[in-house]
Amino acid sequence: MYKVCSLFAGVGGIDLGFLETNKCEIIYANEFDKYAVETYEENFKTKVDCRDIHDVKVNQIPEFDIMVGGFPCTSFSVAGYRKGFEDDRTGDLFFEMERIFKQRRPRVIFLENVKNLVGHDKGNTFKTIIDRLNEAGYKDKIKCQVLNACEYGNIPQNRERIYIVAFREKKDFDKFQMPMPTTLDKTIKDIFNFNTKVDDKYYYTEGKYKGNIYKLLTEEMDDDNTVYQWRRKYVRKNQSNLVPTLTANMGEGGHNVPLIKTKFGIRKLTPIECFYAQGYPKNYQLPTDMADSKLYKQAGNSVVVPVINRIAENIMKALN
């Protein structure tokens, strides 16, 4: 079994993708958000170290073969501030990962981030990341690719992310390839519950919200085969019948939470449906006493598990 060190573990999407290969075990996970930790520990045996990563000393982490991490992306995302490494809150967190992988030099480093990372600051941010990996002993043994969930994960969500896989050993690198595109045969009806009534709080009804939101929704939402969004002042229909990219700010006011038309009425996706839209399995558990806003944020911050798993399976083939 390959030992995995998971940094910025969130609710465990990357960890799940690697565990599903049945060739890995999570020996260490670090996550600072206490709400994400609660959700993580509901689903995994690993006890999370929830200290600020700046306070984690390298010698406090058990030996590991693979480092994984989707370091916070608000600094680079279109939806965030786009400040990159200049962001006072999260800009330096990649360098905390570097501090650890420089000393430990794991056999594999797996990184995930928003597509915008590639072009941020005219490419300088991405170049810095690759340069630091090169300097740490992974030179000319790095593969990167932007993959969309609907093309590489059989998940009907339009979600493009950059994946970086770095190898310490040339022989491993030579045997690795990113996954090939796969057929999308799942639809939103496979992951969302159109046939069962959910809690009343998720439905839009006359007079429930200020203004004419309900009237606009009922006029515009005429198709039960796609997903809509309320964008503060107007209704947006997703023409591709995919879920639009889920975002962390779905939990902040709810204006970005996707909407569907069912026989029971127009409603928001529930938090667990947002997790299903990220490819989480049906047995994944959410804390029952946590605010929906926290759960929406966790789903939006997470990763598409089947895409992670396909990359992880290819890593396993290369290592074996």
Protein backbone atom coordinates (compact mmCIF):
# COMPACT_ATOMS: atom_id res chain seq x y z
CA MET A 1 0.00 0.00 0.00
CA TYR A 2 1.30 3.44 -0.91
CA LYS A 3 1.24 5.92 1.95
CA VAL A 4 -0.46 9.22 1.11
CA CYS A 5 0.04 12.59 2.81
CA SER A 6 -2.97 14.81 2.11
CA LEU A 7 -2.58 18.57 2.53
CA PHE A 8 -5.52 21.00 2.28
CA ALA A 9 -7.58 17.83 2.49
CA GLY A 10 -10.95 19.60 2.52
CA VAL A 11 -13.73 17.04 2.73
CA GLY A 12 -11.55 14.32 1.24
CA GLY A 13 -12.31 14.31 -2.49
CA ILE A 14 -8.70 13.78 -3.57
CA ASP A 15 -8.18 11.23 -0.79
CA LEU A 16 -11.26 9.33 -1.93
CA GLY A 17 -10.01 9.19 -5.52
CA PHE A 18 -6.73 7.65 -4.36
CA LEU A 19 -8.35 5.28 -1.85
CA GLU A 20 -10.64 3.93 -4.57
CA THR A 21 -7.57 2.46 -6.31
CA ASN A 22 -7.32 0.05 -3.34
CA LYS A 23 -3.57 0.59 -3.43
CA CYS A 24 -3.31 3.59 -1.10
CA GLU A 25 -3.83 4.52 2.52
CA ILE A 26 -4.09 8.04 3.95
CA ILE A 27 -1.49 8.20 6.72
CA TYR A 28 -1.74 11.95 7.32
CA ALA A 29 -4.32 14.62 6.49
CA ASN A 30 -4.17 18.33 7.27
CA GLU A 31 -7.10 20.74 6.96
CA PHE A 32 -7.61 24.06 8.74
CA ASP A 33 -11.38 24.50 8.22
CA LYS A 34 -13.05 22.90 11.25
CA TYR A 35 -16.33 22.37 9.38
CA ALA A 36 -14.59 20.55 6.52
CA VAL A 37 -12.73 18.47 9.12
CA GLU A 38 -16.03 17.42 10.66
CA THR A 39 -17.33 16.25 7.29
CA TYR A 40 -14.03 14.51 6.49
CA GLU A 41 -13.96 12.59 9.76
CA GLU A 42 -17.56 11.49 9.22
CA ASN A 43 -16.32 9.52 6.19
CA PHE A 44 -12.69 8.52 6.79
CA LYS A 45 -10.78 6.63 9.46
CA THR A 46 -7.92 9.13 9.38
CA LYS A 47 -7.91 11.68 12.20
CA VAL A 48 -7.26 15.11 10.68
CA ASP A 49 -4.53 17.44 11.90
CA CYS A 50 -6.48 20.70 11.86
CA ARG A 51 -3.60 23.02 12.71
CA ASP A 52 -2.61 25.87 10.42
CA ILE A 53 -0.15 24.33 7.96
CA HIS A 54 2.39 27.02 8.88
CA ASP A 55 2.60 25.37 12.33
CA VAL A 56 3.18 21.83 11.03
CA LYS A 57 6.80 20.74 11.28
CA VAL A 58 8.04 18.27 8.68
CA ASN A 59 9.23 15.81 11.33
CA GLN A 60 5.67 15.63 12.70
CA ILE A 61 4.40 14.03 9.48
CA PRO A 62 4.78 10.23 9.17
CA GLU A 63 6.77 8.81 6.23
CA PHE A 64 4.82 8.86 2.97
CA ASP A 65 5.18 7.95 -0.72
CA ILE A 66 2.69 10.33 -2.31
CA MET A 67 1.80 13.93 -1.48
CA VAL A 68 -1.58 15.18 -2.66
CA GLY A 69 -3.16 18.58 -2.32
CA GLY A 70 -5.52 21.07 -3.89
CA PHE A 71 -3.98 24.15 -2.31
CA PRO A 72 -6.55 26.95 -1.85
CA CYS A 73 -7.47 28.48 -5.16
CA THR A 74 -9.27 31.72 -4.23
CA SER A 75 -6.05 33.56 -5.08
CA PHE A 76 -6.15 32.30 -8.66
CA SER A 77 -9.80 31.66 -9.52
CA VAL A 78 -11.96 33.87 -11.72
CA ALA A 79 -14.53 33.79 -8.90
CA GLY A 80 -11.95 34.83 -6.32
CA TYR A 81 -9.63 37.79 -6.08
CA ARG A 82 -7.03 36.69 -8.63
CA LYS A 83 -4.24 37.98 -6.41
CA GLY A 84 -2.20 34.79 -6.63
CA PHE A 85 0.92 34.68 -4.51
CA GLU A 86 0.26 38.29 -3.46
CA ASP A 87 -2.89 37.28 -1.56
CA ASP A 88 -2.27 37.88 2.15
CA ARG A 89 -4.66 35.11 3.17
CA THR A 90 -3.79 32.16 0.94
CA GLY A 91 -1.08 33.27 -1.46
CA ASP A 92 1.81 31.56 0.32
CA LEU A 93 0.20 28.16 0.91
CA PHE A 94 1.85 26.47 -2.07
CA PHE A 95 5.19 27.36 -0.50
CA GLU A 96 4.15 25.53 2.66
CA MET A 97 3.66 22.44 0.52
CA GLU A 98 7.06 23.09 -1.04
CA ARG A 99 8.66 23.27 2.40
CA ILE A 100 7.48 19.72 3.02
CA PHE A 101 8.15 18.13 -0.37
CA LYS A 102 11.64 19.65 -0.58
CA GLN A 103 12.64 17.84 2.60
CA ARG A 104 10.72 14.62 2.08
CA ARG A 105 11.00 14.24 -1.71
CA PRO A 106 8.03 11.88 -2.09
CA ARG A 107 7.89 9.50 -5.02
CA VAL A 108 4.86 11.34 -6.44
CA ILE A 109 3.37 14.82 -5.95
CA PHE A 110 -0.20 15.38 -7.12
CA LEU A 111 -1.61 18.93 -7.27
CA GLU A 112 -5.02 20.21 -8.33
CA ASN A 113 -6.14 23.78 -8.87
CA VAL A 114 -8.37 26.06 -10.93
CA LYS A 115 -7.76 26.36 -14.64
CA ASN A 116 -7.01 30.05 -14.19
CA LEU A 117 -3.80 29.14 -12.34
CA VAL A 118 -2.18 28.45 -15.73
CA GLY A 119 -2.64 31.96 -17.10
CA HIS A 120 -2.49 33.88 -13.82
CA ASP A 121 -0.01 36.80 -13.83
CA LYS A 122 0.81 36.12 -17.50
CA GLY A 123 1.87 32.58 -16.67
CA ASN A 124 4.39 33.57 -13.99
CA THR A 125 2.48 31.94 -11.11
CA PHE A 126 2.35 28.58 -12.89
CA LYS A 127 5.98 28.90 -13.96
CA THR A 128 6.98 29.48 -10.32
CA ILE A 129 5.23 26.27 -9.25
CA ILE A 130 6.94 24.23 -11.96
CA ASP A 131 10.31 25.85 -11.19
CA ARG A 132 9.99 24.94 -7.50
CA LEU A 133 9.16 21.34 -8.40
CA ASN A 134 12.15 21.26 -10.75
CA GLU A 135 14.46 22.56 -8.05
CA ALA A 136 13.20 19.96 -5.58
CA GLY A 137 14.29 17.05 -7.77
CA TYR A 138 11.35 16.58 -10.15
CA LYS A 139 12.87 18.30 -13.20
CA ASP A 140 11.65 16.96 -16.54
CA LYS A 141 9.39 14.48 -14.73
CA ILE A 142 6.20 16.58 -14.51
CA LYS A 143 2.99 16.21 -16.46
CA CYS A 144 0.22 18.86 -16.41
CA GLN A 145 -3.14 19.02 -18.11
CA VAL A 146 -6.43 20.88 -17.85
CA LEU A 147 -9.25 18.31 -17.67
CA ASN A 148 -13.00 18.93 -17.70
CA ALA A 149 -15.20 16.75 -15.48
CA CYS A 150 -17.72 16.14 -18.27
CA GLU A 151 -15.00 14.92 -20.64
CA TYR A 152 -12.76 12.96 -18.28
CA GLY A 153 -14.98 11.94 -15.34
CA ASN A 154 -18.36 10.99 -16.82
CA ILE A 155 -19.87 13.63 -14.55
CA PRO A 156 -22.33 16.14 -16.09
CA GLN A 157 -20.64 19.22 -14.66
CA ASN A 158 -18.68 21.80 -16.63
CA ARG A 159 -15.62 21.95 -14.36
CA GLU A 160 -12.15 22.56 -15.78
CA ARG A 161 -9.20 22.09 -13.45
CA ILE A 162 -5.42 21.90 -13.86
CA TYR A 163 -3.82 18.69 -12.65
CA ILE A 164 -0.08 18.47 -12.02
CA VAL A 165 1.67 15.14 -11.43
CA ALA A 166 5.38 15.15 -10.58
CA PHE A 167 7.57 12.06 -10.23
CA ARG A 168 10.86 11.65 -8.41
CA GLU A 169 11.91 8.65 -10.53
CA LYS A 170 12.29 8.85 -14.31
CA LYS A 171 11.09 5.25 -14.74
CA ASP A 172 7.77 6.10 -13.05
CA PHE A 173 7.34 9.25 -15.11
CA ASP A 174 7.99 7.38 -18.37
CA LYS A 175 5.18 4.91 -17.62
CA PHE A 176 2.61 7.55 -16.64
CA GLN A 177 0.06 9.21 -18.88
CA MET A 178 -2.91 11.40 -18.15
CA PRO A 179 -6.28 9.73 -18.74
CA MET A 180 -7.89 9.83 -22.17
CA PRO A 181 -11.31 11.43 -22.68
CA THR A 182 -14.25 9.22 -21.77
CA THR A 183 -17.86 9.10 -22.92
CA LEU A 184 -20.36 11.15 -20.94
CA ASP A 185 -23.38 8.93 -20.53
CA LYS A 186 -24.62 10.29 -17.19
CA THR A 187 -27.17 13.08 -17.17
CA ILE A 188 -28.41 15.34 -14.41
CA LYS A 189 -31.31 12.90 -13.95
CA ASP A 190 -28.80 10.25 -12.88
CA ILE A 191 -27.44 12.35 -10.04
CA PHE A 192 -30.31 14.58 -8.90
CA ASN A 193 -33.57 13.45 -7.39
CA PHE A 194 -36.38 14.61 -9.67
CA ASN A 195 -38.91 12.02 -8.51
CA THR A 196 -38.97 12.46 -4.74
CA LYS A 197 -40.00 15.50 -2.77
CA VAL A 198 -37.21 17.02 -0.68
CA ASP A 199 -37.45 19.37 2.30
CA ASP A 200 -39.73 22.37 1.70
CA LYS A 201 -36.90 24.80 2.44
CA TYR A 202 -35.29 24.07 -0.96
CA TYR A 203 -38.35 25.05 -3.02
CA TYR A 204 -39.16 28.49 -4.40
CA THR A 205 -42.73 29.57 -3.77
CA GLU A 206 -44.72 32.76 -4.24
CA GLY A 207 -43.74 35.38 -1.66
CA LYS A 208 -40.92 33.34 -0.15
CA TYR A 209 -38.23 35.72 -1.40
CA LYS A 210 -38.19 39.47 -1.87
CA GLY A 211 -38.99 40.95 -5.23
CA ASN A 212 -40.19 39.08 -8.30
CA ILE A 213 -37.76 36.13 -8.15
CA TYR A 214 -40.48 33.49 -8.18
CA LYS A 215 -42.26 35.06 -11.15
CA LEU A 216 -39.01 35.22 -13.15
CA LEU A 217 -38.12 31.64 -12.29
CA THR A 218 -41.50 30.25 -13.32
CA GLU A 219 -41.39 32.22 -16.59
CA GLU A 220 -37.83 31.23 -17.51
CA MET A 221 -37.51 27.68 -16.16
CA ASP A 222 -39.37 25.66 -18.78
CA ASP A 223 -37.01 22.68 -19.18
CA ASP A 224 -36.58 19.85 -16.68
CA ASN A 225 -33.56 18.40 -18.49
CA THR A 226 -31.10 21.09 -17.59
CA VAL A 227 -29.89 23.23 -14.70
CA TYR A 228 -30.53 26.92 -14.05
CA GLN A 229 -28.97 29.53 -11.81
CA TRP A 230 -30.39 32.64 -10.20
CA ARG A 231 -27.78 35.32 -10.91
CA ARG A 232 -28.95 38.08 -8.53
CA LYS A 233 -31.12 39.75 -11.18
CA TYR A 234 -31.79 37.21 -13.91
CA VAL A 235 -32.21 33.50 -14.58
CA ARG A 236 -29.43 31.72 -16.43
CA LYS A 237 -30.13 28.49 -18.31
CA ASN A 238 -27.29 26.06 -18.90
CA GLN A 239 -27.62 25.28 -22.60
CA SER A 240 -25.34 22.24 -22.51
CA ASN A 241 -27.53 20.32 -20.03
CA LEU A 242 -24.58 20.24 -17.65
CA VAL A 243 -24.29 21.50 -14.11
CA PRO A 244 -22.44 24.84 -14.21
CA THR A 245 -19.18 24.93 -12.28
CA LEU A 246 -20.02 24.63 -8.60
CA THR A 247 -18.45 27.41 -6.53
CA ALA A 248 -17.57 27.93 -2.89
CA ASN A 249 -19.78 31.02 -2.69
CA MET A 250 -22.91 28.93 -3.28
CA GLY A 251 -23.21 29.05 0.49
CA GLU A 252 -23.04 32.83 0.69
CA GLY A 253 -26.53 34.10 0.00
CA GLY A 254 -27.31 31.17 -2.22
CA HIS A 255 -27.52 33.12 -5.48
CA ASN A 256 -25.20 30.66 -7.21
CA VAL A 257 -26.83 27.44 -6.02
CA PRO A 258 -28.02 25.58 -9.15
CA LEU A 259 -31.78 25.20 -9.63
CA ILE A 260 -33.84 22.46 -11.23
CA LYS A 261 -37.48 22.12 -12.30
CA THR A 262 -39.20 19.06 -10.84
CA LYS A 263 -42.81 17.87 -10.71
CA PHE A 264 -42.89 19.14 -7.13
CA GLY A 265 -41.77 22.62 -8.13
CA ILE A 266 -38.67 24.68 -8.74
CA ARG A 267 -35.96 24.11 -6.18
CA LYS A 268 -32.30 24.47 -5.32
CA LEU A 269 -30.04 21.46 -5.40
CA THR A 270 -29.65 20.07 -1.91
CA PRO A 271 -26.13 20.02 -0.41
CA ILE A 272 -25.78 16.25 -0.92
CA GLU A 273 -26.81 16.64 -4.58
CA CYS A 274 -23.97 19.15 -4.99
CA PHE A 275 -21.62 16.47 -3.65
CA TYR A 276 -23.09 13.98 -6.13
CA ALA A 277 -22.41 16.54 -8.88
CA GLN A 278 -18.76 16.26 -7.84
CA GLY A 279 -18.91 12.49 -8.22
CA TYR A 280 -19.05 11.59 -4.53
CA PRO A 281 -20.54 8.14 -3.88
CA LYS A 282 -24.05 7.61 -2.56
CA ASN A 283 -22.71 6.36 0.78
CA TYR A 284 -20.90 9.64 1.49
CA GLN A 285 -22.26 11.16 4.70
CA LEU A 286 -22.84 14.82 5.56
CA PRO A 287 -23.08 15.98 9.20
CA THR A 288 -26.76 16.33 10.08
CA ASP A 289 -26.30 19.32 12.37
CA MET A 290 -24.25 21.52 10.02
CA ALA A 291 -25.66 24.60 8.27
CA ASP A 292 -26.40 24.16 4.56
CA SER A 293 -24.23 27.20 3.83
CA LYS A 294 -21.16 25.34 5.14
CA LEU A 295 -22.01 22.22 3.15
CA TYR A 296 -22.58 24.14 -0.10
CA LYS A 297 -19.20 25.81 0.39
CA GLN A 298 -17.52 22.45 0.99
CA ALA A 299 -19.04 20.98 -2.17
CA GLY A 300 -18.02 24.00 -4.24
CA ASN A 301 -14.49 23.91 -2.88
CA SER A 302 -14.09 20.22 -3.59
CA VAL A 303 -12.92 18.15 -6.55
CA VAL A 304 -14.48 15.77 -9.04
CA VAL A 305 -13.72 12.40 -7.48
CA PRO A 306 -13.91 10.25 -10.68
CA VAL A 307 -11.36 12.49 -12.46
CA ILE A 308 -9.02 12.20 -9.47
CA ASN A 309 -9.52 8.44 -9.43
CA ARG A 310 -8.69 8.04 -13.12
CA ILE A 311 -5.43 9.96 -12.65
CA ALA A 312 -4.68 7.99 -9.45
CA GLU A 313 -5.24 4.68 -11.26
CA ASN A 314 -2.72 5.73 -13.91
CA ILE A 315 -0.24 6.73 -11.19
CA MET A 316 -0.65 3.29 -9.62
CA LYS A 317 0.05 1.61 -12.97
CA ALA A 318 3.20 3.69 -13.36
CA LEU A 319 4.45 2.84 -9.86
CA ASN A 320 3.74 -0.86 -10.31
